[in-house]
Full PDB file with SEQRES, HELIX, SHEET, SSBOND, CRYST1, ORIGX, SCALE, CONECT and MASTER records, all heavy atoms in Angstrom:
SEQRES   1 A   41  ALA LEU PRO GLY HIS ILE LEU LEU LEU LEU LEU ILE PRO          
SEQRES   2 A   41  VAL ALA THR ALA GLN THR THR PRO GLY PRO CYS SER GLY          
SEQRES   3 A   41  CYS GLY PRO LEU SER LEU GLN LEU LEU VAL GLY LEU VAL          
SEQRES   4 A   41  ALA ALA                                                      
HELIX    1 AA1 PRO A    3  GLN A   18  1                                  16    
HELIX    2 AA2 LEU A   32  ALA A   40  1                                   9    
SSBOND   1 CYS A   24    CYS A   27                          1555   1555  1.42  
CRYST1    1.000    1.000    1.000  90.00  90.00  90.00 P 1           1          
ORIGX1      1.000000  0.000000  0.000000        0.00000                         
ORIGX2      0.000000  1.000000  0.000000        0.00000                         
ORIGX3      0.000000  0.000000  1.000000        0.00000                         
SCALE1      1.000000  0.000000  0.000000        0.00000                         
SCALE2      0.000000  1.000000  0.000000        0.00000                         
SCALE3      0.000000  0.000000  1.000000        0.00000                         
ATOM      1  N   ALA A   1      11.611 216.809 -80.192  1.00  0.00           N  
ATOM      2  CA  ALA A   1      10.970 217.428 -79.031  1.00  0.00           C  
ATOM      3  C   ALA A   1       9.732 218.204 -79.460  1.00  0.00           C  
ATOM      4  O   ALA A   1       9.693 218.814 -80.528  1.00  0.00           O  
ATOM      5  CB  ALA A   1      11.952 218.357 -78.342  1.00  0.00           C  
ATOM      6  N   LEU A   2       8.742 218.162 -78.610  1.00  0.00           N  
ATOM      7  CA  LEU A   2       7.526 218.915 -78.867  1.00  0.00           C  
ATOM      8  C   LEU A   2       7.767 220.395 -78.594  1.00  0.00           C  
ATOM      9  O   LEU A   2       8.656 220.750 -77.796  1.00  0.00           O  
ATOM     10  CB  LEU A   2       6.403 218.399 -77.978  1.00  0.00           C  
ATOM     11  CG  LEU A   2       5.983 216.951 -78.226  1.00  0.00           C  
ATOM     12  CD1 LEU A   2       4.991 216.515 -77.167  1.00  0.00           C  
ATOM     13  CD2 LEU A   2       5.381 216.800 -79.602  1.00  0.00           C  
ATOM     14  N   PRO A   3       6.991 221.295 -79.219  1.00  0.00           N  
ATOM     15  CA  PRO A   3       7.199 222.734 -78.982  1.00  0.00           C  
ATOM     16  C   PRO A   3       7.050 223.118 -77.515  1.00  0.00           C  
ATOM     17  O   PRO A   3       7.758 223.992 -77.027  1.00  0.00           O  
ATOM     18  CB  PRO A   3       6.116 223.389 -79.835  1.00  0.00           C  
ATOM     19  CG  PRO A   3       5.786 222.401 -80.890  1.00  0.00           C  
ATOM     20  CD  PRO A   3       5.999 221.057 -80.262  1.00  0.00           C  
ATOM     21  N   GLY A   4       6.142 222.461 -76.798  1.00  0.00           N  
ATOM     22  CA  GLY A   4       5.970 222.778 -75.380  1.00  0.00           C  
ATOM     23  C   GLY A   4       7.193 222.426 -74.565  1.00  0.00           C  
ATOM     24  O   GLY A   4       7.565 223.142 -73.630  1.00  0.00           O  
ATOM     25  N   HIS A   5       7.849 221.318 -74.919  1.00  0.00           N  
ATOM     26  CA  HIS A   5       9.055 220.930 -74.198  1.00  0.00           C  
ATOM     27  C   HIS A   5      10.205 221.887 -74.497  1.00  0.00           C  
ATOM     28  O   HIS A   5      10.994 222.211 -73.613  1.00  0.00           O  
ATOM     29  CB  HIS A   5       9.453 219.502 -74.563  1.00  0.00           C  
ATOM     30  CG  HIS A   5       8.449 218.484 -74.124  1.00  0.00           C  
ATOM     31  ND1 HIS A   5       8.118 217.406 -74.895  1.00  0.00           N  
ATOM     32  CD2 HIS A   5       7.700 218.389 -73.001  1.00  0.00           C  
ATOM     33  CE1 HIS A   5       7.214 216.681 -74.263  1.00  0.00           C  
ATOM     34  NE2 HIS A   5       6.929 217.270 -73.112  1.00  0.00           N  
ATOM     35  N   ILE A   6      10.298 222.328 -75.728  1.00  0.00           N  
ATOM     36  CA  ILE A   6      11.356 223.271 -76.093  1.00  0.00           C  
ATOM     37  C   ILE A   6      11.168 224.581 -75.347  1.00  0.00           C  
ATOM     38  O   ILE A   6      12.123 225.152 -74.813  1.00  0.00           O  
ATOM     39  CB  ILE A   6      11.376 223.493 -77.618  1.00  0.00           C  
ATOM     40  CG1 ILE A   6      11.779 222.194 -78.328  1.00  0.00           C  
ATOM     41  CG2 ILE A   6      12.312 224.625 -77.987  1.00  0.00           C  
ATOM     42  CD1 ILE A   6      11.660 222.254 -79.830  1.00  0.00           C  
ATOM     43  N   LEU A   7       9.904 225.057 -75.276  1.00  0.00           N  
ATOM     44  CA  LEU A   7       9.627 226.297 -74.563  1.00  0.00           C  
ATOM     45  C   LEU A   7       9.960 226.159 -73.082  1.00  0.00           C  
ATOM     46  O   LEU A   7      10.541 227.063 -72.480  1.00  0.00           O  
ATOM     47  CB  LEU A   7       8.157 226.686 -74.752  1.00  0.00           C  
ATOM     48  CG  LEU A   7       7.735 228.002 -74.136  1.00  0.00           C  
ATOM     49  CD1 LEU A   7       8.483 229.147 -74.801  1.00  0.00           C  
ATOM     50  CD2 LEU A   7       6.252 228.197 -74.271  1.00  0.00           C  
ATOM     51  N   LEU A   8       9.612 225.009 -72.496  1.00  0.00           N  
ATOM     52  CA  LEU A   8       9.927 224.780 -71.087  1.00  0.00           C  
ATOM     53  C   LEU A   8      11.435 224.771 -70.873  1.00  0.00           C  
ATOM     54  O   LEU A   8      11.941 225.371 -69.912  1.00  0.00           O  
ATOM     55  CB  LEU A   8       9.315 223.460 -70.629  1.00  0.00           C  
ATOM     56  CG  LEU A   8       9.574 223.083 -69.170  1.00  0.00           C  
ATOM     57  CD1 LEU A   8       8.920 224.081 -68.238  1.00  0.00           C  
ATOM     58  CD2 LEU A   8       9.088 221.685 -68.895  1.00  0.00           C  
ATOM     59  N   LEU A   9      12.170 224.119 -71.763  1.00  0.00           N  
ATOM     60  CA  LEU A   9      13.626 224.091 -71.630  1.00  0.00           C  
ATOM     61  C   LEU A   9      14.238 225.475 -71.785  1.00  0.00           C  
ATOM     62  O   LEU A   9      15.253 225.792 -71.172  1.00  0.00           O  
ATOM     63  CB  LEU A   9      14.223 223.129 -72.653  1.00  0.00           C  
ATOM     64  CG  LEU A   9      13.944 221.643 -72.401  1.00  0.00           C  
ATOM     65  CD1 LEU A   9      14.466 220.806 -73.570  1.00  0.00           C  
ATOM     66  CD2 LEU A   9      14.565 221.197 -71.099  1.00  0.00           C  
ATOM     67  N   LEU A  10      13.610 226.318 -72.612  1.00  0.00           N  
ATOM     68  CA  LEU A  10      14.121 227.679 -72.773  1.00  0.00           C  
ATOM     69  C   LEU A  10      13.802 228.552 -71.562  1.00  0.00           C  
ATOM     70  O   LEU A  10      14.532 229.500 -71.272  1.00  0.00           O  
ATOM     71  CB  LEU A  10      13.539 228.311 -74.040  1.00  0.00           C  
ATOM     72  CG  LEU A  10      14.036 227.720 -75.363  1.00  0.00           C  
ATOM     73  CD1 LEU A  10      13.299 228.353 -76.528  1.00  0.00           C  
ATOM     74  CD2 LEU A  10      15.531 227.925 -75.505  1.00  0.00           C  
ATOM     75  N   LEU A  11      12.724 228.239 -70.851  1.00  0.00           N  
ATOM     76  CA  LEU A  11      12.338 229.060 -69.702  1.00  0.00           C  
ATOM     77  C   LEU A  11      13.063 228.663 -68.420  1.00  0.00           C  
ATOM     78  O   LEU A  11      13.105 229.441 -67.476  1.00  0.00           O  
ATOM     79  CB  LEU A  11      10.830 228.984 -69.486  1.00  0.00           C  
ATOM     80  CG  LEU A  11       9.985 229.756 -70.486  1.00  0.00           C  
ATOM     81  CD1 LEU A  11       8.514 229.540 -70.204  1.00  0.00           C  
ATOM     82  CD2 LEU A  11      10.313 231.229 -70.452  1.00  0.00           C  
ATOM     83  N   ILE A  12      13.633 227.468 -68.354  1.00  0.00           N  
ATOM     84  CA  ILE A  12      14.311 227.035 -67.127  1.00  0.00           C  
ATOM     85  C   ILE A  12      15.508 227.934 -66.786  1.00  0.00           C  
ATOM     86  O   ILE A  12      15.635 228.369 -65.639  1.00  0.00           O  
ATOM     87  CB  ILE A  12      14.720 225.549 -67.228  1.00  0.00           C  
ATOM     88  CG1 ILE A  12      13.467 224.678 -67.146  1.00  0.00           C  
ATOM     89  CG2 ILE A  12      15.706 225.180 -66.126  1.00  0.00           C  
ATOM     90  CD1 ILE A  12      13.730 223.211 -67.355  1.00  0.00           C  
ATOM     91  N   PRO A  13      16.385 228.268 -67.742  1.00  0.00           N  
ATOM     92  CA  PRO A  13      17.486 229.176 -67.375  1.00  0.00           C  
ATOM     93  C   PRO A  13      16.993 230.553 -66.940  1.00  0.00           C  
ATOM     94  O   PRO A  13      17.592 231.181 -66.063  1.00  0.00           O  
ATOM     95  CB  PRO A  13      18.318 229.283 -68.654  1.00  0.00           C  
ATOM     96  CG  PRO A  13      17.949 228.104 -69.462  1.00  0.00           C  
ATOM     97  CD  PRO A  13      16.544 227.772 -69.099  1.00  0.00           C  
ATOM     98  N   VAL A  14      15.900 231.018 -67.527  1.00  0.00           N  
ATOM     99  CA  VAL A  14      15.359 232.321 -67.132  1.00  0.00           C  
ATOM    100  C   VAL A  14      14.873 232.257 -65.689  1.00  0.00           C  
ATOM    101  O   VAL A  14      15.116 233.170 -64.893  1.00  0.00           O  
ATOM    102  CB  VAL A  14      14.211 232.735 -68.086  1.00  0.00           C  
ATOM    103  CG1 VAL A  14      13.548 234.005 -67.612  1.00  0.00           C  
ATOM    104  CG2 VAL A  14      14.734 232.885 -69.495  1.00  0.00           C  
ATOM    105  N   ALA A  15      14.191 231.169 -65.348  1.00  0.00           N  
ATOM    106  CA  ALA A  15      13.681 231.031 -63.983  1.00  0.00           C  
ATOM    107  C   ALA A  15      14.821 230.894 -62.978  1.00  0.00           C  
ATOM    108  O   ALA A  15      14.764 231.464 -61.887  1.00  0.00           O  
ATOM    109  CB  ALA A  15      12.752 229.827 -63.906  1.00  0.00           C  
ATOM    110  N   THR A  16      15.861 230.149 -63.333  1.00  0.00           N  
ATOM    111  CA  THR A  16      16.974 229.988 -62.393  1.00  0.00           C  
ATOM    112  C   THR A  16      17.779 231.278 -62.263  1.00  0.00           C  
ATOM    113  O   THR A  16      18.336 231.541 -61.202  1.00  0.00           O  
ATOM    114  CB  THR A  16      17.899 228.847 -62.835  1.00  0.00           C  
ATOM    115  OG1 THR A  16      18.361 229.096 -64.150  1.00  0.00           O  
ATOM    116  CG2 THR A  16      17.174 227.522 -62.782  1.00  0.00           C  
ATOM    117  N   ALA A  17      17.834 232.078 -63.298  1.00  0.00           N  
ATOM    118  CA  ALA A  17      18.556 233.339 -63.214  1.00  0.00           C  
ATOM    119  C   ALA A  17      17.828 234.346 -62.327  1.00  0.00           C  
ATOM    120  O   ALA A  17      18.455 235.242 -61.751  1.00  0.00           O  
ATOM    121  CB  ALA A  17      18.760 233.930 -64.602  1.00  0.00           C  
ATOM    122  N   GLN A  18      16.527 234.201 -62.201  1.00  0.00           N  
ATOM    123  CA  GLN A  18      15.748 235.133 -61.399  1.00  0.00           C  
ATOM    124  C   GLN A  18      15.800 234.825 -59.908  1.00  0.00           C  
ATOM    125  O   GLN A  18      15.440 235.654 -59.096  1.00  0.00           O  
ATOM    126  CB  GLN A  18      14.281 235.120 -61.856  1.00  0.00           C  
ATOM    127  CG  GLN A  18      14.066 235.604 -63.269  1.00  0.00           C  
ATOM    128  CD  GLN A  18      14.328 237.092 -63.425  1.00  0.00           C  
ATOM    129  OE1 GLN A  18      14.071 237.868 -62.522  1.00  0.00           O  
ATOM    130  NE2 GLN A  18      14.871 237.477 -64.564  1.00  0.00           N  
ATOM    131  N   THR A  19      16.221 233.622 -59.543  1.00  0.00           N  
ATOM    132  CA  THR A  19      16.260 233.262 -58.127  1.00  0.00           C  
ATOM    133  C   THR A  19      17.590 233.683 -57.531  1.00  0.00           C  
ATOM    134  O   THR A  19      18.638 233.619 -58.179  1.00  0.00           O  
ATOM    135  CB  THR A  19      16.060 231.752 -57.931  1.00  0.00           C  
ATOM    136  OG1 THR A  19      17.082 231.056 -58.635  1.00  0.00           O  
ATOM    137  CG2 THR A  19      14.698 231.309 -58.434  1.00  0.00           C  
ATOM    138  N   THR A  20      17.554 234.101 -56.304  1.00  0.00           N  
ATOM    139  CA  THR A  20      18.780 234.528 -55.633  1.00  0.00           C  
ATOM    140  C   THR A  20      19.304 233.381 -54.772  1.00  0.00           C  
ATOM    141  O   THR A  20      18.524 232.702 -54.096  1.00  0.00           O  
ATOM    142  CB  THR A  20      18.502 235.756 -54.739  1.00  0.00           C  
ATOM    143  OG1 THR A  20      17.466 235.418 -53.823  1.00  0.00           O  
ATOM    144  CG2 THR A  20      18.071 236.944 -55.575  1.00  0.00           C  
ATOM    145  N   PRO A  21      20.615 233.152 -54.776  1.00  0.00           N  
ATOM    146  CA  PRO A  21      21.159 232.088 -53.938  1.00  0.00           C  
ATOM    147  C   PRO A  21      21.077 232.476 -52.461  1.00  0.00           C  
ATOM    148  O   PRO A  21      21.175 233.644 -52.114  1.00  0.00           O  
ATOM    149  CB  PRO A  21      22.598 231.947 -54.411  1.00  0.00           C  
ATOM    150  CG  PRO A  21      22.923 233.254 -55.039  1.00  0.00           C  
ATOM    151  CD  PRO A  21      21.625 233.810 -55.562  1.00  0.00           C  
ATOM    152  N   GLY A  22      20.880 231.514 -51.639  1.00  0.00           N  
ATOM    153  CA  GLY A  22      20.795 231.773 -50.206  1.00  0.00           C  
ATOM    154  C   GLY A  22      20.277 230.544 -49.500  1.00  0.00           C  
ATOM    155  O   GLY A  22      20.164 229.471 -50.083  1.00  0.00           O  
ATOM    156  N   PRO A  23      19.961 230.698 -48.210  1.00  0.00           N  
ATOM    157  CA  PRO A  23      19.490 229.533 -47.463  1.00  0.00           C  
ATOM    158  C   PRO A  23      18.131 229.031 -47.975  1.00  0.00           C  
ATOM    159  O   PRO A  23      17.805 227.872 -47.803  1.00  0.00           O  
ATOM    160  CB  PRO A  23      19.400 230.038 -46.023  1.00  0.00           C  
ATOM    161  CG  PRO A  23      19.219 231.507 -46.151  1.00  0.00           C  
ATOM    162  CD  PRO A  23      19.983 231.900 -47.393  1.00  0.00           C  
ATOM    163  N   CYS A  24      17.364 229.895 -48.572  1.00  0.00           N  
ATOM    164  CA  CYS A  24      16.044 229.502 -49.057  1.00  0.00           C  
ATOM    165  C   CYS A  24      15.955 229.865 -50.538  1.00  0.00           C  
ATOM    166  O   CYS A  24      15.137 230.677 -50.945  1.00  0.00           O  
ATOM    167  CB  CYS A  24      14.941 230.184 -48.259  1.00  0.00           C  
ATOM    168  SG  CYS A  24      13.297 229.619 -48.723  1.00  0.00           S  
ATOM    169  N   SER A  25      16.820 229.288 -51.316  1.00  0.00           N  
ATOM    170  CA  SER A  25      16.857 229.587 -52.745  1.00  0.00           C  
ATOM    171  C   SER A  25      15.592 229.087 -53.425  1.00  0.00           C  
ATOM    172  O   SER A  25      15.230 227.926 -53.323  1.00  0.00           O  
ATOM    173  CB  SER A  25      18.086 228.925 -53.348  1.00  0.00           C  
ATOM    174  OG  SER A  25      17.949 228.788 -54.721  1.00  0.00           O  
ATOM    175  N   GLY A  26      14.908 229.949 -54.124  1.00  0.00           N  
ATOM    176  CA  GLY A  26      13.723 229.559 -54.865  1.00  0.00           C  
ATOM    177  C   GLY A  26      12.426 229.785 -54.124  1.00  0.00           C  
ATOM    178  O   GLY A  26      11.359 229.677 -54.702  1.00  0.00           O  
ATOM    179  N   CYS A  27      12.477 230.080 -52.860  1.00  0.00           N  
ATOM    180  CA  CYS A  27      11.222 230.369 -52.161  1.00  0.00           C  
ATOM    181  C   CYS A  27      11.064 231.888 -52.078  1.00  0.00           C  
ATOM    182  O   CYS A  27      12.007 232.626 -51.983  1.00  0.00           O  
ATOM    183  CB  CYS A  27      11.203 229.734 -50.776  1.00  0.00           C  
ATOM    184  SG  CYS A  27      12.526 230.308 -49.700  1.00  0.00           S  
ATOM    185  N   GLY A  28       9.863 232.313 -52.136  1.00  0.00           N  
ATOM    186  CA  GLY A  28       9.599 233.744 -52.104  1.00  0.00           C  
ATOM    187  C   GLY A  28       8.829 234.148 -53.346  1.00  0.00           C  
ATOM    188  O   GLY A  28       8.543 233.321 -54.213  1.00  0.00           O  
ATOM    189  N   PRO A  29       8.494 235.407 -53.428  1.00  0.00           N  
ATOM    190  CA  PRO A  29       7.676 235.860 -54.559  1.00  0.00           C  
ATOM    191  C   PRO A  29       8.466 235.858 -55.873  1.00  0.00           C  
ATOM    192  O   PRO A  29       9.687 236.024 -55.888  1.00  0.00           O  
ATOM    193  CB  PRO A  29       7.283 237.284 -54.164  1.00  0.00           C  
ATOM    194  CG  PRO A  29       8.365 237.733 -53.241  1.00  0.00           C  
ATOM    195  CD  PRO A  29       8.821 236.492 -52.504  1.00  0.00           C  
ATOM    196  N   LEU A  30       7.748 235.647 -56.952  1.00  0.00           N  
ATOM    197  CA  LEU A  30       8.375 235.704 -58.274  1.00  0.00           C  
ATOM    198  C   LEU A  30       8.566 237.152 -58.683  1.00  0.00           C  
ATOM    199  O   LEU A  30       7.777 238.023 -58.317  1.00  0.00           O  
ATOM    200  CB  LEU A  30       7.483 235.010 -59.308  1.00  0.00           C  
ATOM    201  CG  LEU A  30       7.277 233.515 -59.155  1.00  0.00           C  
ATOM    202  CD1 LEU A  30       6.261 233.026 -60.170  1.00  0.00           C  
ATOM    203  CD2 LEU A  30       8.577 232.783 -59.351  1.00  0.00           C  
ATOM    204  N   SER A  31       9.586 237.396 -59.458  1.00  0.00           N  
ATOM    205  CA  SER A  31       9.773 238.747 -59.963  1.00  0.00           C  
ATOM    206  C   SER A  31       8.719 239.037 -61.016  1.00  0.00           C  
ATOM    207  O   SER A  31       8.134 238.130 -61.618  1.00  0.00           O  
ATOM    208  CB  SER A  31      11.180 238.902 -60.559  1.00  0.00           C  
ATOM    209  OG  SER A  31      11.279 238.142 -61.745  1.00  0.00           O  
ATOM    210  N   LEU A  32       8.468 240.297 -61.244  1.00  0.00           N  
ATOM    211  CA  LEU A  32       7.432 240.700 -62.190  1.00  0.00           C  
ATOM    212  C   LEU A  32       7.782 240.256 -63.606  1.00  0.00           C  
ATOM    213  O   LEU A  32       6.911 239.782 -64.346  1.00  0.00           O  
ATOM    214  CB  LEU A  32       7.238 242.217 -62.143  1.00  0.00           C  
ATOM    215  CG  LEU A  32       6.136 242.776 -63.033  1.00  0.00           C  
ATOM    216  CD1 LEU A  32       4.788 242.196 -62.622  1.00  0.00           C  
ATOM    217  CD2 LEU A  32       6.104 244.283 -62.946  1.00  0.00           C  
ATOM    218  N   GLN A  33       9.046 240.350 -63.998  1.00  0.00           N  
ATOM    219  CA  GLN A  33       9.458 239.953 -65.344  1.00  0.00           C  
ATOM    220  C   GLN A  33       9.242 238.460 -65.567  1.00  0.00           C  
ATOM    221  O   GLN A  33       8.770 238.046 -66.620  1.00  0.00           O  
ATOM    222  CB  GLN A  33      10.932 240.298 -65.599  1.00  0.00           C  
ATOM    223  CG  GLN A  33      11.227 241.769 -65.622  1.00  0.00           C  
ATOM    224  CD  GLN A  33      11.550 242.319 -64.235  1.00  0.00           C  
ATOM    225  OE1 GLN A  33      11.613 241.581 -63.260  1.00  0.00           O  
ATOM    226  NE2 GLN A  33      11.724 243.630 -64.154  1.00  0.00           N  
ATOM    227  N   LEU A  34       9.585 237.649 -64.577  1.00  0.00           N  
ATOM    228  CA  LEU A  34       9.408 236.209 -64.706  1.00  0.00           C  
ATOM    229  C   LEU A  34       7.928 235.853 -64.774  1.00  0.00           C  
ATOM    230  O   LEU A  34       7.507 235.022 -65.592  1.00  0.00           O  
ATOM    231  CB  LEU A  34      10.072 235.483 -63.542  1.00  0.00           C  
ATOM    232  CG  LEU A  34       9.936 233.960 -63.537  1.00  0.00           C  
ATOM    233  CD1 LEU A  34      10.605 233.369 -64.764  1.00  0.00           C  
ATOM    234  CD2 LEU A  34      10.512 233.385 -62.268  1.00  0.00           C  
ATOM    235  N   LEU A  35       7.126 236.492 -63.937  1.00  0.00           N  
ATOM    236  CA  LEU A  35       5.694 236.232 -63.941  1.00  0.00           C  
ATOM    237  C   LEU A  35       5.060 236.618 -65.266  1.00  0.00           C  
ATOM    238  O   LEU A  35       4.260 235.863 -65.835  1.00  0.00           O  
ATOM    239  CB  LEU A  35       5.029 236.977 -62.785  1.00  0.00           C  
ATOM    240  CG  LEU A  35       3.563 236.691 -62.544  1.00  0.00           C  
ATOM    241  CD1 LEU A  35       3.377 235.218 -62.212  1.00  0.00           C  
ATOM    242  CD2 LEU A  35       3.038 237.547 -61.416  1.00  0.00           C  
ATOM    243  N   VAL A  36       5.433 237.759 -65.810  1.00  0.00           N  
ATOM    244  CA  VAL A  36       4.909 238.194 -67.113  1.00  0.00           C  
ATOM    245  C   VAL A  36       5.351 237.236 -68.213  1.00  0.00           C  
ATOM    246  O   VAL A  36       4.560 236.872 -69.092  1.00  0.00           O  
ATOM    247  CB  VAL A  36       5.358 239.641 -67.424  1.00  0.00           C  
ATOM    248  CG1 VAL A  36       5.072 240.012 -68.868  1.00  0.00           C  
ATOM    249  CG2 VAL A  36       4.669 240.623 -66.493  1.00  0.00           C  
ATOM    250  N   GLY A  37       6.572 236.786 -68.167  1.00  0.00           N  
ATOM    251  CA  GLY A  37       7.069 235.839 -69.164  1.00  0.00           C  
ATOM    252  C   GLY A  37       6.342 234.503 -69.105  1.00  0.00           C  
ATOM    253  O   GLY A  37       5.997 233.927 -70.146  1.00  0.00           O  
ATOM    254  N   LEU A  38       6.095 234.012 -67.907  1.00  0.00           N  
ATOM    255  CA  LEU A  38       5.385 232.741 -67.762  1.00  0.00           C  
ATOM    256  C   LEU A  38       3.936 232.847 -68.220  1.00  0.00           C  
ATOM    257  O   LEU A  38       3.410 231.948 -68.875  1.00  0.00           O  
ATOM    258  CB  LEU A  38       5.456 232.258 -66.313  1.00  0.00           C  
ATOM    259  CG  LEU A  38       6.819 231.783 -65.836  1.00  0.00           C  
ATOM    260  CD1 LEU A  38       6.790 231.473 -64.347  1.00  0.00           C  
ATOM    261  CD2 LEU A  38       7.282 230.586 -66.629  1.00  0.00           C  
ATOM    262  N   VAL A  39       3.287 233.962 -67.894  1.00  0.00           N  
ATOM    263  CA  VAL A  39       1.899 234.163 -68.335  1.00  0.00           C  
ATOM    264  C   VAL A  39       1.842 234.285 -69.849  1.00  0.00           C  
ATOM    265  O   VAL A  39       0.959 233.710 -70.500  1.00  0.00           O  
ATOM    266  CB  VAL A  39       1.286 235.396 -67.632  1.00  0.00           C  
ATOM    267  CG1 VAL A  39      -0.037 235.780 -68.257  1.00  0.00           C  
ATOM    268  CG2 VAL A  39       1.109 235.122 -66.149  1.00  0.00           C  
ATOM    269  N   ALA A  40       2.790 235.003 -70.438  1.00  0.00           N  
ATOM    270  CA  ALA A  40       2.806 235.155 -71.901  1.00  0.00           C  
ATOM    271  C   ALA A  40       3.071 233.810 -72.581  1.00  0.00           C  
ATOM    272  O   ALA A  40       2.427 233.476 -73.581  1.00  0.00           O  
ATOM    273  CB  ALA A  40       3.870 236.177 -72.304  1.00  0.00           C  
ATOM    274  N   ALA A  41       3.996 233.030 -72.044  1.00  0.00           N  
ATOM    275  CA  ALA A  41       4.287 231.715 -72.625  1.00  0.00           C  
ATOM    276  C   ALA A  41       3.076 230.798 -72.497  1.00  0.00           C  
ATOM    277  O   ALA A  41       2.758 230.048 -73.426  1.00  0.00           O  
ATOM    278  CB  ALA A  41       5.501 231.100 -71.936  1.00  0.00           C  
TER     279      ALA A  41                                                      
CONECT  168  184                                                                
CONECT  184  168                                                                
MASTER        0    0    0    2    0    0    0    6  278    1    2    4          
END                                                                             
């Protein structure tokens, strides 16, 4: 695997942990921690 793919695979659980379950799971603003992590990556 390429380093970019490994980083993406490592960030997927972080992104899913930040979303709240509900009728519109995944829609809405990103949390500040997730946004900072994505920008840093």
